[in-house]
Amino acid sequence: MFSDQATVLVVDDDPSIRRSIARLVRSVGVEVKTYASPAQFLRQDLPQGPACVLLDMCMDGLSGLEVQESLRQNSRHVPVVFLSGHGTVPTATAGMKGGADDFLEKPFKPDDLITAIRRALEHDKVTSAERREREALKLRWQTMTPREREVMQLVVTGLLNKQAAAMLGISEKTIKVHRARVMEKMQVESLAELVRIAGRLDLPAPQHQQDGAPVAVVQ
């Protein structure tokens, strides 16, 4: 049901709530870490493995929404499940709009909490894999020379080699050499794969792009 390396982070200023949640989470074989205040939690590094935060909405110091905003500034983007004994429609709506995975009012049923944790951890597992892929692609991108990057930006728009060569003021043969190096460094075997990667990297439009030039559609 859960990854062996999953971690649930509980941020709640009520010690009895922290203890009961910790017991419940450990009973299903998941590691749990508890924090008595938002400040204590925000000082800690977030786990790199699958994780989620169970975050009390109303605490001294910072509110749950303020903690959520701090988490949004972190590239880790760990999922949040809000817990509140004072939940209202406006606060729940604000939390969900801010990207929270779920919102549970205290007292909640143990099964409901476990279900919310399972969904949040699965969400984090998927988004973490996507984040690692983007980071790997960025590293490949950084291995290319400025000219190779320029060539890649042109060819993924659908331009022919001779069109890209004309735009850059170099020979078609040179474009082919650069294109081969791009394919090698980006570790792809087809233009379609290269187009997909360009979409993942969210590359800016090439400076040499001309009006009316064909543009590939990235799904």
N, C-alpha and C. Protein backbone atom coordinates (compact mmCIF):
# COMPACT_ATOMS: atom_id res chain seq x y z
N MET A 1 0.82 -1.21 0.00
CA MET A 1 0.00 0.00 0.00
C MET A 1 0.86 1.26 0.00
N PHE A 2 1.92 1.26 0.82
CA PHE A 2 2.79 2.42 0.93
C PHE A 2 4.22 2.04 0.58
N SER A 3 4.96 3.03 0.08
CA SER A 3 6.39 2.82 -0.16
C SER A 3 7.12 2.67 1.16
N ASP A 4 8.12 1.77 1.18
CA ASP A 4 8.89 1.56 2.41
C ASP A 4 9.64 2.83 2.83
N GLN A 5 9.91 3.72 1.88
CA GLN A 5 10.68 4.92 2.17
C GLN A 5 9.79 6.15 2.35
N ALA A 6 8.48 5.96 2.39
CA ALA A 6 7.57 7.09 2.53
C ALA A 6 7.66 7.69 3.94
N THR A 7 7.45 9.01 4.00
CA THR A 7 7.48 9.71 5.28
C THR A 7 6.30 10.66 5.38
N VAL A 8 5.61 10.62 6.52
CA VAL A 8 4.53 11.55 6.79
C VAL A 8 5.01 12.57 7.82
N LEU A 9 4.86 13.84 7.51
CA LEU A 9 5.30 14.93 8.39
C LEU A 9 4.07 15.56 9.02
N VAL A 10 3.99 15.50 10.34
CA VAL A 10 2.82 16.01 11.06
C VAL A 10 3.18 17.32 11.75
N VAL A 11 2.46 18.39 11.40
CA VAL A 11 2.70 19.70 12.00
C VAL A 11 1.42 20.13 12.72
N ASP A 12 1.45 20.04 14.05
CA ASP A 12 0.25 20.34 14.85
C ASP A 12 0.71 20.74 16.24
N ASP A 13 0.12 21.79 16.79
CA ASP A 13 0.55 22.26 18.12
C ASP A 13 -0.14 21.54 19.26
N ASP A 14 -0.99 20.57 18.95
CA ASP A 14 -1.66 19.78 19.99
C ASP A 14 -0.91 18.45 20.15
N PRO A 15 -0.24 18.23 21.28
CA PRO A 15 0.57 17.02 21.46
C PRO A 15 -0.24 15.73 21.39
N SER A 16 -1.50 15.75 21.85
CA SER A 16 -2.31 14.54 21.80
C SER A 16 -2.64 14.18 20.34
N ILE A 17 -2.87 15.18 19.53
CA ILE A 17 -3.13 14.94 18.11
C ILE A 17 -1.88 14.37 17.44
N ARG A 18 -0.73 14.95 17.75
CA ARG A 18 0.52 14.45 17.16
C ARG A 18 0.75 12.99 17.52
N ARG A 19 0.53 12.65 18.79
CA ARG A 19 0.77 11.28 19.24
C ARG A 19 -0.20 10.30 18.56
N SER A 20 -1.48 10.67 18.50
CA SER A 20 -2.47 9.74 17.93
C SER A 20 -2.24 9.54 16.44
N ILE A 21 -1.90 10.61 15.74
CA ILE A 21 -1.62 10.47 14.30
C ILE A 21 -0.36 9.64 14.08
N ALA A 22 0.66 9.89 14.89
CA ALA A 22 1.91 9.14 14.75
C ALA A 22 1.68 7.65 14.94
N ARG A 23 0.87 7.29 15.96
CA ARG A 23 0.57 5.87 16.20
C ARG A 23 -0.16 5.27 15.00
N LEU A 24 -1.13 6.01 14.49
CA LEU A 24 -1.92 5.51 13.36
C LEU A 24 -1.04 5.31 12.11
N VAL A 25 -0.22 6.29 11.82
CA VAL A 25 0.63 6.21 10.62
C VAL A 25 1.64 5.07 10.75
N ARG A 26 2.24 4.92 11.92
CA ARG A 26 3.21 3.84 12.12
C ARG A 26 2.54 2.47 12.05
N SER A 27 1.25 2.42 12.40
CA SER A 27 0.55 1.13 12.38
C SER A 27 0.40 0.58 10.97
N VAL A 28 0.51 1.45 9.95
CA VAL A 28 0.43 0.98 8.56
C VAL A 28 1.82 0.94 7.92
N GLY A 29 2.85 0.99 8.76
CA GLY A 29 4.21 0.78 8.28
C GLY A 29 4.88 1.97 7.62
N VAL A 30 4.44 3.18 7.96
CA VAL A 30 5.02 4.38 7.35
C VAL A 30 5.76 5.18 8.41
N GLU A 31 6.93 5.69 8.03
CA GLU A 31 7.71 6.53 8.94
C GLU A 31 6.98 7.85 9.16
N VAL A 32 7.05 8.38 10.37
CA VAL A 32 6.39 9.64 10.67
C VAL A 32 7.32 10.53 11.49
N LYS A 33 7.27 11.82 11.20
CA LYS A 33 8.01 12.81 11.98
C LYS A 33 7.01 13.87 12.42
N THR A 34 7.10 14.29 13.68
CA THR A 34 6.13 15.26 14.20
C THR A 34 6.82 16.56 14.59
N TYR A 35 6.06 17.65 14.45
CA TYR A 35 6.58 18.99 14.76
C TYR A 35 5.53 19.76 15.54
N ALA A 36 5.97 20.40 16.64
CA ALA A 36 5.04 21.09 17.52
C ALA A 36 4.72 22.50 17.05
N SER A 37 5.47 23.02 16.07
CA SER A 37 5.23 24.39 15.61
C SER A 37 5.64 24.53 14.15
N PRO A 38 5.05 25.49 13.45
CA PRO A 38 5.45 25.74 12.07
C PRO A 38 6.92 26.10 11.94
N ALA A 39 7.43 26.91 12.90
CA ALA A 39 8.83 27.33 12.84
C ALA A 39 9.76 26.13 12.92
N GLN A 40 9.46 25.20 13.83
CA GLN A 40 10.28 23.99 13.97
C GLN A 40 10.26 23.19 12.67
N PHE A 41 9.10 23.05 12.07
CA PHE A 41 8.97 22.29 10.83
C PHE A 41 9.73 22.94 9.68
N LEU A 42 9.58 24.24 9.51
CA LEU A 42 10.19 24.93 8.38
C LEU A 42 11.71 24.99 8.46
N ARG A 43 12.26 24.74 9.64
CA ARG A 43 13.73 24.70 9.76
C ARG A 43 14.32 23.40 9.24
N GLN A 44 13.49 22.38 9.04
CA GLN A 44 13.97 21.06 8.65
C GLN A 44 13.98 20.91 7.12
N ASP A 45 14.93 20.09 6.65
CA ASP A 45 14.95 19.75 5.23
C ASP A 45 13.84 18.74 4.94
N LEU A 46 13.21 18.88 3.79
CA LEU A 46 12.15 17.96 3.41
C LEU A 46 12.74 16.66 2.89
N PRO A 47 12.09 15.52 3.15
CA PRO A 47 12.59 14.22 2.65
C PRO A 47 12.62 14.20 1.12
N GLN A 48 13.59 13.48 0.57
CA GLN A 48 13.67 13.34 -0.89
C GLN A 48 12.80 12.20 -1.39
N GLY A 49 12.52 11.23 -0.51
CA GLY A 49 11.62 10.14 -0.90
C GLY A 49 10.17 10.59 -0.82
N PRO A 50 9.21 9.70 -1.16
CA PRO A 50 7.79 10.05 -1.10
C PRO A 50 7.41 10.58 0.28
N ALA A 51 6.70 11.71 0.30
CA ALA A 51 6.34 12.34 1.58
C ALA A 51 5.07 13.16 1.41
N CYS A 52 4.46 13.46 2.54
CA CYS A 52 3.34 14.41 2.56
C CYS A 52 3.33 15.07 3.92
N VAL A 53 2.67 16.23 3.98
CA VAL A 53 2.59 17.00 5.23
C VAL A 53 1.14 17.01 5.71
N LEU A 54 0.94 16.60 6.95
CA LEU A 54 -0.37 16.76 7.61
C LEU A 54 -0.27 18.05 8.41
N LEU A 55 -0.98 19.06 7.98
CA LEU A 55 -0.76 20.41 8.47
C LEU A 55 -2.00 20.98 9.14
N ASP A 56 -1.87 21.30 10.44
CA ASP A 56 -2.97 21.91 11.18
C ASP A 56 -3.22 23.31 10.61
N MET A 57 -4.48 23.65 10.42
CA MET A 57 -4.82 24.93 9.82
C MET A 57 -4.62 26.10 10.79
N CYS A 58 -4.88 25.87 12.08
CA CYS A 58 -4.83 26.96 13.07
C CYS A 58 -3.77 26.66 14.13
N MET A 59 -2.65 27.41 14.08
CA MET A 59 -1.56 27.23 15.03
C MET A 59 -1.02 28.59 15.45
N ASP A 60 -0.31 28.62 16.59
CA ASP A 60 0.35 29.85 17.02
C ASP A 60 1.54 30.13 16.10
N GLY A 61 1.81 31.38 15.89
CA GLY A 61 2.96 31.75 15.05
C GLY A 61 2.52 31.96 13.62
N LEU A 62 2.47 30.87 12.87
CA LEU A 62 2.04 30.92 11.47
C LEU A 62 0.79 30.07 11.29
N SER A 63 -0.08 30.51 10.44
CA SER A 63 -1.27 29.70 10.13
C SER A 63 -0.88 28.61 9.15
N GLY A 64 -1.77 27.64 9.00
CA GLY A 64 -1.52 26.58 8.03
C GLY A 64 -1.36 27.12 6.62
N LEU A 65 -2.15 28.14 6.28
CA LEU A 65 -2.06 28.73 4.94
C LEU A 65 -0.71 29.41 4.73
N GLU A 66 -0.17 30.03 5.78
CA GLU A 66 1.15 30.68 5.66
C GLU A 66 2.25 29.64 5.52
N VAL A 67 2.12 28.52 6.23
CA VAL A 67 3.10 27.44 6.07
C VAL A 67 3.02 26.87 4.67
N GLN A 68 1.79 26.70 4.18
CA GLN A 68 1.61 26.21 2.82
C GLN A 68 2.30 27.12 1.80
N GLU A 69 2.17 28.43 2.00
CA GLU A 69 2.80 29.38 1.08
C GLU A 69 4.32 29.25 1.13
N SER A 70 4.88 29.03 2.32
CA SER A 70 6.32 28.82 2.43
C SER A 70 6.75 27.56 1.69
N LEU A 71 5.94 26.52 1.81
CA LEU A 71 6.26 25.26 1.12
C LEU A 71 6.21 25.43 -0.40
N ARG A 72 5.34 26.29 -0.86
CA ARG A 72 5.21 26.51 -2.30
C ARG A 72 6.47 27.16 -2.87
N GLN A 73 7.24 27.84 -2.03
CA GLN A 73 8.48 28.47 -2.49
C GLN A 73 9.61 27.46 -2.61
N ASN A 74 9.41 26.27 -2.05
CA ASN A 74 10.43 25.22 -2.09
C ASN A 74 10.22 24.38 -3.34
N SER A 75 11.29 24.15 -4.10
CA SER A 75 11.17 23.37 -5.34
C SER A 75 10.74 21.93 -5.08
N ARG A 76 10.81 21.49 -3.83
CA ARG A 76 10.43 20.12 -3.50
C ARG A 76 8.93 19.88 -3.68
N HIS A 77 8.09 20.89 -3.43
CA HIS A 77 6.65 20.81 -3.65
C HIS A 77 6.01 19.57 -3.01
N VAL A 78 6.20 19.40 -1.72
CA VAL A 78 5.62 18.25 -1.02
C VAL A 78 4.12 18.46 -0.86
N PRO A 79 3.29 17.41 -1.07
CA PRO A 79 1.84 17.54 -0.94
C PRO A 79 1.41 17.85 0.50
N VAL A 80 0.31 18.58 0.62
CA VAL A 80 -0.22 19.00 1.92
C VAL A 80 -1.63 18.48 2.11
N VAL A 81 -1.89 17.93 3.29
CA VAL A 81 -3.25 17.57 3.71
C VAL A 81 -3.55 18.43 4.93
N PHE A 82 -4.53 19.32 4.83
CA PHE A 82 -4.87 20.19 5.94
C PHE A 82 -5.75 19.46 6.95
N LEU A 83 -5.48 19.74 8.24
CA LEU A 83 -6.29 19.23 9.34
C LEU A 83 -6.77 20.42 10.15
N SER A 84 -8.05 20.44 10.51
CA SER A 84 -8.52 21.58 11.27
C SER A 84 -9.73 21.24 12.12
N GLY A 85 -9.71 21.76 13.35
CA GLY A 85 -10.87 21.63 14.21
C GLY A 85 -11.76 22.85 14.09
N HIS A 86 -11.32 23.81 13.31
CA HIS A 86 -12.07 25.05 13.14
C HIS A 86 -12.27 25.32 11.65
N GLY A 87 -12.44 24.26 10.88
CA GLY A 87 -12.52 24.39 9.44
C GLY A 87 -13.77 25.14 8.99
N THR A 88 -13.58 26.00 8.02
CA THR A 88 -14.69 26.70 7.39
C THR A 88 -14.55 26.55 5.89
N VAL A 89 -15.61 26.79 5.19
CA VAL A 89 -15.56 26.70 3.74
C VAL A 89 -14.51 27.63 3.15
N PRO A 90 -14.43 28.91 3.58
CA PRO A 90 -13.43 29.81 3.00
C PRO A 90 -11.98 29.34 3.21
N THR A 91 -11.66 28.87 4.43
CA THR A 91 -10.29 28.44 4.67
C THR A 91 -9.98 27.17 3.90
N ALA A 92 -10.93 26.27 3.82
CA ALA A 92 -10.73 25.04 3.05
C ALA A 92 -10.52 25.37 1.58
N THR A 93 -11.33 26.30 1.07
CA THR A 93 -11.21 26.69 -0.33
C THR A 93 -9.86 27.33 -0.60
N ALA A 94 -9.41 28.18 0.31
CA ALA A 94 -8.11 28.84 0.14
C ALA A 94 -6.98 27.81 0.13
N GLY A 95 -7.08 26.82 1.02
CA GLY A 95 -6.06 25.79 1.07
C GLY A 95 -6.02 24.95 -0.20
N MET A 96 -7.18 24.59 -0.71
CA MET A 96 -7.24 23.77 -1.92
C MET A 96 -6.77 24.57 -3.13
N LYS A 97 -7.12 25.86 -3.17
CA LYS A 97 -6.64 26.69 -4.27
C LYS A 97 -5.13 26.84 -4.23
N GLY A 98 -4.57 26.77 -3.02
CA GLY A 98 -3.12 26.88 -2.87
C GLY A 98 -2.39 25.60 -3.23
N GLY A 99 -3.15 24.56 -3.58
CA GLY A 99 -2.51 23.33 -4.02
C GLY A 99 -2.59 22.19 -3.04
N ALA A 100 -3.35 22.34 -1.95
CA ALA A 100 -3.46 21.24 -0.98
C ALA A 100 -4.11 20.03 -1.62
N ASP A 101 -3.69 18.85 -1.19
CA ASP A 101 -4.26 17.61 -1.73
C ASP A 101 -5.59 17.25 -1.10
N ASP A 102 -5.78 17.65 0.15
CA ASP A 102 -7.02 17.28 0.83
C ASP A 102 -7.21 18.18 2.05
N PHE A 103 -8.42 18.12 2.65
CA PHE A 103 -8.75 18.91 3.82
C PHE A 103 -9.67 18.06 4.69
N LEU A 104 -9.23 17.76 5.91
CA LEU A 104 -10.01 16.94 6.83
C LEU A 104 -10.30 17.73 8.10
N GLU A 105 -11.54 17.66 8.55
CA GLU A 105 -11.90 18.32 9.80
C GLU A 105 -11.75 17.36 10.97
N LYS A 106 -11.21 17.87 12.08
CA LYS A 106 -11.12 17.08 13.30
C LYS A 106 -12.49 17.09 13.99
N PRO A 107 -12.90 15.99 14.60
CA PRO A 107 -12.21 14.69 14.58
C PRO A 107 -12.49 13.96 13.26
N PHE A 108 -11.47 13.32 12.73
CA PHE A 108 -11.63 12.61 11.46
C PHE A 108 -11.54 11.11 11.71
N LYS A 109 -12.09 10.35 10.81
CA LYS A 109 -12.03 8.90 10.92
C LYS A 109 -10.64 8.42 10.50
N PRO A 110 -10.08 7.46 11.23
CA PRO A 110 -8.76 6.94 10.87
C PRO A 110 -8.66 6.49 9.41
N ASP A 111 -9.69 5.82 8.93
CA ASP A 111 -9.66 5.35 7.54
C ASP A 111 -9.61 6.52 6.56
N ASP A 112 -10.31 7.61 6.89
CA ASP A 112 -10.29 8.78 6.01
C ASP A 112 -8.89 9.40 5.97
N LEU A 113 -8.22 9.43 7.12
CA LEU A 113 -6.87 9.99 7.15
C LEU A 113 -5.91 9.12 6.37
N ILE A 114 -5.98 7.82 6.55
CA ILE A 114 -5.09 6.91 5.83
C ILE A 114 -5.32 7.01 4.31
N THR A 115 -6.58 7.14 3.92
CA THR A 115 -6.88 7.30 2.49
C THR A 115 -6.28 8.58 1.95
N ALA A 116 -6.40 9.67 2.71
CA ALA A 116 -5.84 10.96 2.28
C ALA A 116 -4.32 10.88 2.19
N ILE A 117 -3.70 10.20 3.15
CA ILE A 117 -2.24 10.04 3.13
C ILE A 117 -1.81 9.22 1.92
N ARG A 118 -2.53 8.14 1.66
CA ARG A 118 -2.19 7.29 0.52
C ARG A 118 -2.23 8.08 -0.79
N ARG A 119 -3.29 8.87 -0.96
CA ARG A 119 -3.42 9.66 -2.19
C ARG A 119 -2.29 10.69 -2.30
N ALA A 120 -1.98 11.34 -1.18
CA ALA A 120 -0.94 12.37 -1.20
C ALA A 120 0.43 11.77 -1.50
N LEU A 121 0.72 10.61 -0.91
CA LEU A 121 2.01 9.96 -1.16
C LEU A 121 2.13 9.50 -2.61
N GLU A 122 1.03 8.99 -3.16
CA GLU A 122 1.05 8.57 -4.56
C GLU A 122 1.25 9.78 -5.47
N HIS A 123 0.60 10.88 -5.13
CA HIS A 123 0.78 12.12 -5.89
C HIS A 123 2.24 12.55 -5.84
N ASP A 124 2.84 12.50 -4.65
CA ASP A 124 4.24 12.92 -4.52
C ASP A 124 5.17 11.99 -5.27
N LYS A 125 4.85 10.71 -5.27
CA LYS A 125 5.69 9.74 -5.99
C LYS A 125 5.73 10.08 -7.48
N VAL A 126 4.56 10.42 -8.04
CA VAL A 126 4.47 10.75 -9.47
C VAL A 126 5.19 12.06 -9.77
N THR A 127 4.91 13.10 -8.99
CA THR A 127 5.51 14.40 -9.26
C THR A 127 7.02 14.40 -9.00
N SER A 128 7.46 13.59 -8.03
CA SER A 128 8.89 13.49 -7.76
C SER A 128 9.62 12.85 -8.94
N ALA A 129 8.99 11.84 -9.54
CA ALA A 129 9.59 11.19 -10.71
C ALA A 129 9.69 12.18 -11.87
N GLU A 130 8.65 12.98 -12.04
CA GLU A 130 8.66 14.00 -13.10
C GLU A 130 9.74 15.04 -12.83
N ARG A 131 9.90 15.43 -11.56
CA ARG A 131 10.90 16.42 -11.20
C ARG A 131 12.31 15.88 -11.46
N ARG A 132 12.55 14.62 -11.12
CA ARG A 132 13.87 14.02 -11.36
C ARG A 132 14.17 13.94 -12.85
N GLU A 133 13.12 13.65 -13.65
CA GLU A 133 13.33 13.60 -15.09
C GLU A 133 13.71 14.97 -15.63
N ARG A 134 13.01 16.03 -15.19
CA ARG A 134 13.34 17.37 -15.64
C ARG A 134 14.76 17.76 -15.25
N GLU A 135 15.17 17.40 -14.03
CA GLU A 135 16.52 17.72 -13.58
C GLU A 135 17.56 17.01 -14.42
N ALA A 136 17.29 15.74 -14.78
CA ALA A 136 18.22 14.99 -15.64
C ALA A 136 18.30 15.62 -17.02
N LEU A 137 17.16 16.06 -17.54
CA LEU A 137 17.14 16.69 -18.87
C LEU A 137 17.91 18.02 -18.84
N LYS A 138 17.76 18.77 -17.76
CA LYS A 138 18.49 20.04 -17.65
C LYS A 138 19.99 19.81 -17.62
N LEU A 139 20.43 18.73 -16.97
CA LEU A 139 21.85 18.41 -16.94
C LEU A 139 22.36 18.09 -18.34
N ARG A 140 21.55 17.36 -19.12
CA ARG A 140 21.94 17.05 -20.49
C ARG A 140 22.02 18.34 -21.31
N TRP A 141 21.03 19.21 -21.13
CA TRP A 141 21.00 20.48 -21.84
C TRP A 141 22.26 21.30 -21.56
N GLN A 142 22.70 21.26 -20.31
CA GLN A 142 23.87 22.03 -19.91
C GLN A 142 25.16 21.49 -20.49
N THR A 143 25.17 20.24 -20.96
CA THR A 143 26.39 19.69 -21.57
C THR A 143 26.59 20.20 -22.99
N MET A 144 25.58 20.82 -23.59
CA MET A 144 25.69 21.27 -24.97
C MET A 144 26.32 22.65 -25.06
N THR A 145 26.96 22.91 -26.19
CA THR A 145 27.52 24.23 -26.45
C THR A 145 26.40 25.20 -26.80
N PRO A 146 26.65 26.51 -26.71
CA PRO A 146 25.62 27.49 -27.09
C PRO A 146 25.10 27.26 -28.52
N ARG A 147 25.99 26.91 -29.45
CA ARG A 147 25.55 26.67 -30.83
C ARG A 147 24.65 25.44 -30.92
N GLU A 148 25.00 24.39 -30.19
CA GLU A 148 24.17 23.18 -30.20
C GLU A 148 22.78 23.46 -29.62
N ARG A 149 22.72 24.27 -28.59
CA ARG A 149 21.42 24.64 -28.02
C ARG A 149 20.60 25.43 -29.04
N GLU A 150 21.29 26.31 -29.76
CA GLU A 150 20.62 27.11 -30.77
C GLU A 150 20.04 26.23 -31.88
N VAL A 151 20.83 25.25 -32.29
CA VAL A 151 20.38 24.32 -33.33
C VAL A 151 19.18 23.52 -32.83
N MET A 152 19.26 23.04 -31.60
CA MET A 152 18.13 22.27 -31.04
C MET A 152 16.87 23.10 -31.02
N GLN A 153 16.97 24.36 -30.57
CA GLN A 153 15.80 25.22 -30.50
C GLN A 153 15.16 25.43 -31.87
N LEU A 154 15.97 25.42 -32.92
CA LEU A 154 15.44 25.61 -34.26
C LEU A 154 14.82 24.33 -34.82
N VAL A 155 15.52 23.21 -34.67
CA VAL A 155 15.03 21.99 -35.31
C VAL A 155 13.74 21.48 -34.66
N VAL A 156 13.55 21.73 -33.35
CA VAL A 156 12.34 21.23 -32.71
C VAL A 156 11.10 22.02 -33.13
N THR A 157 11.29 23.19 -33.79
CA THR A 157 10.14 23.93 -34.29
C THR A 157 9.65 23.36 -35.61
N GLY A 158 10.39 22.39 -36.16
CA GLY A 158 9.98 21.77 -37.42
C GLY A 158 10.74 22.26 -38.63
N LEU A 159 11.75 23.09 -38.42
CA LEU A 159 12.53 23.59 -39.55
C LEU A 159 13.38 22.49 -40.18
N LEU A 160 13.54 22.54 -41.47
CA LEU A 160 14.46 21.65 -42.17
C LEU A 160 15.89 22.09 -41.90
N ASN A 161 16.83 21.18 -42.13
CA ASN A 161 18.24 21.51 -41.90
C ASN A 161 18.67 22.74 -42.69
N LYS A 162 18.24 22.82 -43.95
CA LYS A 162 18.68 23.94 -44.79
C LYS A 162 18.07 25.26 -44.31
N GLN A 163 16.86 25.20 -43.74
CA GLN A 163 16.24 26.41 -43.20
C GLN A 163 16.97 26.89 -41.95
N ALA A 164 17.31 25.94 -41.07
CA ALA A 164 18.06 26.29 -39.86
C ALA A 164 19.44 26.83 -40.22
N ALA A 165 20.07 26.22 -41.24
CA ALA A 165 21.39 26.67 -41.68
C ALA A 165 21.33 28.10 -42.19
N ALA A 166 20.29 28.41 -42.96
CA ALA A 166 20.14 29.76 -43.50
C ALA A 166 19.94 30.78 -42.38
N MET A 167 19.17 30.40 -41.36
CA MET A 167 18.92 31.32 -40.26
C MET A 167 20.19 31.61 -39.47
N LEU A 168 21.04 30.59 -39.32
CA LEU A 168 22.26 30.75 -38.52
C LEU A 168 23.45 31.19 -39.35
N GLY A 169 23.28 31.21 -40.67
CA GLY A 169 24.37 31.63 -41.54
C GLY A 169 25.52 30.64 -41.60
N ILE A 170 25.18 29.34 -41.49
CA ILE A 170 26.20 28.29 -41.58
C ILE A 170 25.74 27.27 -42.62
N SER A 171 26.61 26.33 -42.95
CA SER A 171 26.28 25.35 -43.99
C SER A 171 25.32 24.28 -43.46
N GLU A 172 24.60 23.67 -44.39
CA GLU A 172 23.70 22.59 -44.02
C GLU A 172 24.48 21.42 -43.43
N LYS A 173 25.68 21.18 -43.95
CA LYS A 173 26.53 20.10 -43.43
C LYS A 173 26.87 20.34 -41.96
N THR A 174 27.17 21.60 -41.63
CA THR A 174 27.50 21.94 -40.24
C THR A 174 26.27 21.74 -39.34
N ILE A 175 25.09 22.11 -39.85
CA ILE A 175 23.86 21.90 -39.09
C ILE A 175 23.69 20.41 -38.77
N LYS A 176 23.95 19.57 -39.76
CA LYS A 176 23.79 18.13 -39.57
C LYS A 176 24.73 17.62 -38.48
N VAL A 177 25.97 18.16 -38.47
CA VAL A 177 26.94 17.75 -37.44
C VAL A 177 26.44 18.17 -36.06
N HIS A 178 25.99 19.42 -35.95
CA HIS A 178 25.48 19.92 -34.67
C HIS A 178 24.24 19.12 -34.23
N ARG A 179 23.38 18.83 -35.19
CA ARG A 179 22.15 18.09 -34.89
C ARG A 179 22.48 16.71 -34.35
N ALA A 180 23.47 16.05 -34.94
CA ALA A 180 23.87 14.72 -34.48
C ALA A 180 24.41 14.79 -33.05
N ARG A 181 25.16 15.85 -32.75
CA ARG A 181 25.71 16.01 -31.40
C ARG A 181 24.59 16.29 -30.40
N VAL A 182 23.60 17.07 -30.84
CA VAL A 182 22.45 17.34 -29.98
C VAL A 182 21.73 16.04 -29.62
N MET A 183 21.49 15.21 -30.64
CA MET A 183 20.78 13.95 -30.40
C MET A 183 21.58 13.06 -29.44
N GLU A 184 22.90 13.07 -29.61
CA GLU A 184 23.76 12.23 -28.75
C GLU A 184 23.74 12.75 -27.31
N LYS A 185 23.92 14.06 -27.14
CA LYS A 185 24.01 14.61 -25.79
C LYS A 185 22.66 14.58 -25.06
N MET A 186 21.57 14.70 -25.81
CA MET A 186 20.25 14.64 -25.19
C MET A 186 19.75 13.21 -25.08
N GLN A 187 20.52 12.26 -25.60
CA GLN A 187 20.25 10.83 -25.48
C GLN A 187 18.90 10.44 -26.09
N VAL A 188 18.68 10.90 -27.32
CA VAL A 188 17.46 10.56 -28.05
C VAL A 188 17.82 10.01 -29.42
N GLU A 189 16.88 9.30 -30.00
CA GLU A 189 17.12 8.69 -31.31
C GLU A 189 16.19 9.23 -32.39
N SER A 190 15.27 10.10 -32.02
CA SER A 190 14.35 10.63 -33.02
C SER A 190 14.04 12.08 -32.73
N LEU A 191 13.59 12.77 -33.78
CA LEU A 191 13.20 14.17 -33.62
C LEU A 191 11.99 14.28 -32.69
N ALA A 192 11.08 13.32 -32.76
CA ALA A 192 9.90 13.34 -31.90
C ALA A 192 10.29 13.34 -30.42
N GLU A 193 11.29 12.54 -30.06
CA GLU A 193 11.77 12.51 -28.68
C GLU A 193 12.38 13.85 -28.30
N LEU A 194 13.11 14.45 -29.24
CA LEU A 194 13.74 15.74 -28.98
C LEU A 194 12.69 16.83 -28.77
N VAL A 195 11.63 16.78 -29.55
CA VAL A 195 10.53 17.74 -29.40
C VAL A 195 9.88 17.58 -28.02
N ARG A 196 9.68 16.33 -27.61
CA ARG A 196 9.08 16.09 -26.28
C ARG A 196 9.97 16.67 -25.18
N ILE A 197 11.27 16.46 -25.31
CA ILE A 197 12.21 16.97 -24.30
C ILE A 197 12.20 18.49 -24.28
N ALA A 198 12.14 19.10 -25.46
CA ALA A 198 12.09 20.56 -25.52
C ALA A 198 10.87 21.08 -24.77
N GLY A 199 9.75 20.37 -24.91
CA GLY A 199 8.54 20.75 -24.19
C GLY A 199 8.72 20.61 -22.69
N ARG A 200 9.40 19.56 -22.25
CA ARG A 200 9.64 19.35 -20.83
C ARG A 200 10.54 20.44 -20.26
N LEU A 201 11.51 20.90 -21.07
CA LEU A 201 12.44 21.92 -20.62
C LEU A 201 11.86 23.32 -20.72
N ASP A 202 10.72 23.44 -21.41
CA ASP A 202 10.08 24.75 -21.58
C ASP A 202 11.07 25.76 -22.15
N LEU A 203 11.69 25.41 -23.26
CA LEU A 203 12.70 26.26 -23.87
C LEU A 203 12.07 27.52 -24.46
N PRO A 204 12.79 28.64 -24.39
CA PRO A 204 12.28 29.87 -25.01
C PRO A 204 12.32 29.76 -26.53
N ALA A 205 11.50 30.57 -27.20
CA ALA A 205 11.51 30.56 -28.66
C ALA A 205 12.87 31.00 -29.16
N PRO A 206 13.42 30.34 -30.20
CA PRO A 206 14.73 30.71 -30.72
C PRO A 206 14.73 32.14 -31.25
N GLN A 207 15.83 32.86 -31.01
CA GLN A 207 15.93 34.24 -31.44
C GLN A 207 15.87 34.39 -32.95
N HIS A 208 16.23 33.32 -33.66
CA HIS A 208 16.26 33.38 -35.12
C HIS A 208 14.93 32.95 -35.75
N GLN A 209 13.92 32.68 -34.89
CA GLN A 209 12.63 32.25 -35.42
C GLN A 209 12.04 33.33 -36.32
N GLN A 210 11.62 32.94 -37.52
CA GLN A 210 11.04 33.88 -38.46
C GLN A 210 9.54 33.73 -38.51
N ASP A 211 8.86 34.82 -38.85
CA ASP A 211 7.40 34.75 -38.99
C ASP A 211 7.02 33.75 -40.08
N GLY A 212 6.04 32.93 -39.75
CA GLY A 212 5.58 31.98 -40.73
C GLY A 212 6.31 30.67 -40.71
N ALA A 213 7.38 30.55 -39.91
CA ALA A 213 8.11 29.28 -39.86
C ALA A 213 7.24 28.26 -39.15
N PRO A 214 7.29 26.98 -39.57
CA PRO A 214 6.45 25.95 -38.94
C PRO A 214 6.86 25.72 -37.50
N VAL A 215 5.92 25.49 -36.64
CA VAL A 215 6.19 25.25 -35.23
C VAL A 215 5.60 23.91 -34.84
N ALA A 216 6.43 23.07 -34.22
CA ALA A 216 5.96 21.76 -33.79
C ALA A 216 5.05 21.93 -32.58
N VAL A 217 4.01 21.11 -32.51
CA VAL A 217 3.10 21.12 -31.38
C VAL A 217 3.60 20.12 -30.34
N VAL A 218 3.91 20.60 -29.13
CA VAL A 218 4.41 19.73 -28.08
C VAL A 218 3.26 19.32 -27.20
N GLN A 219 3.04 18.01 -27.08
CA GLN A 219 1.94 17.51 -26.26
C GLN A 219 2.40 17.44 -24.80
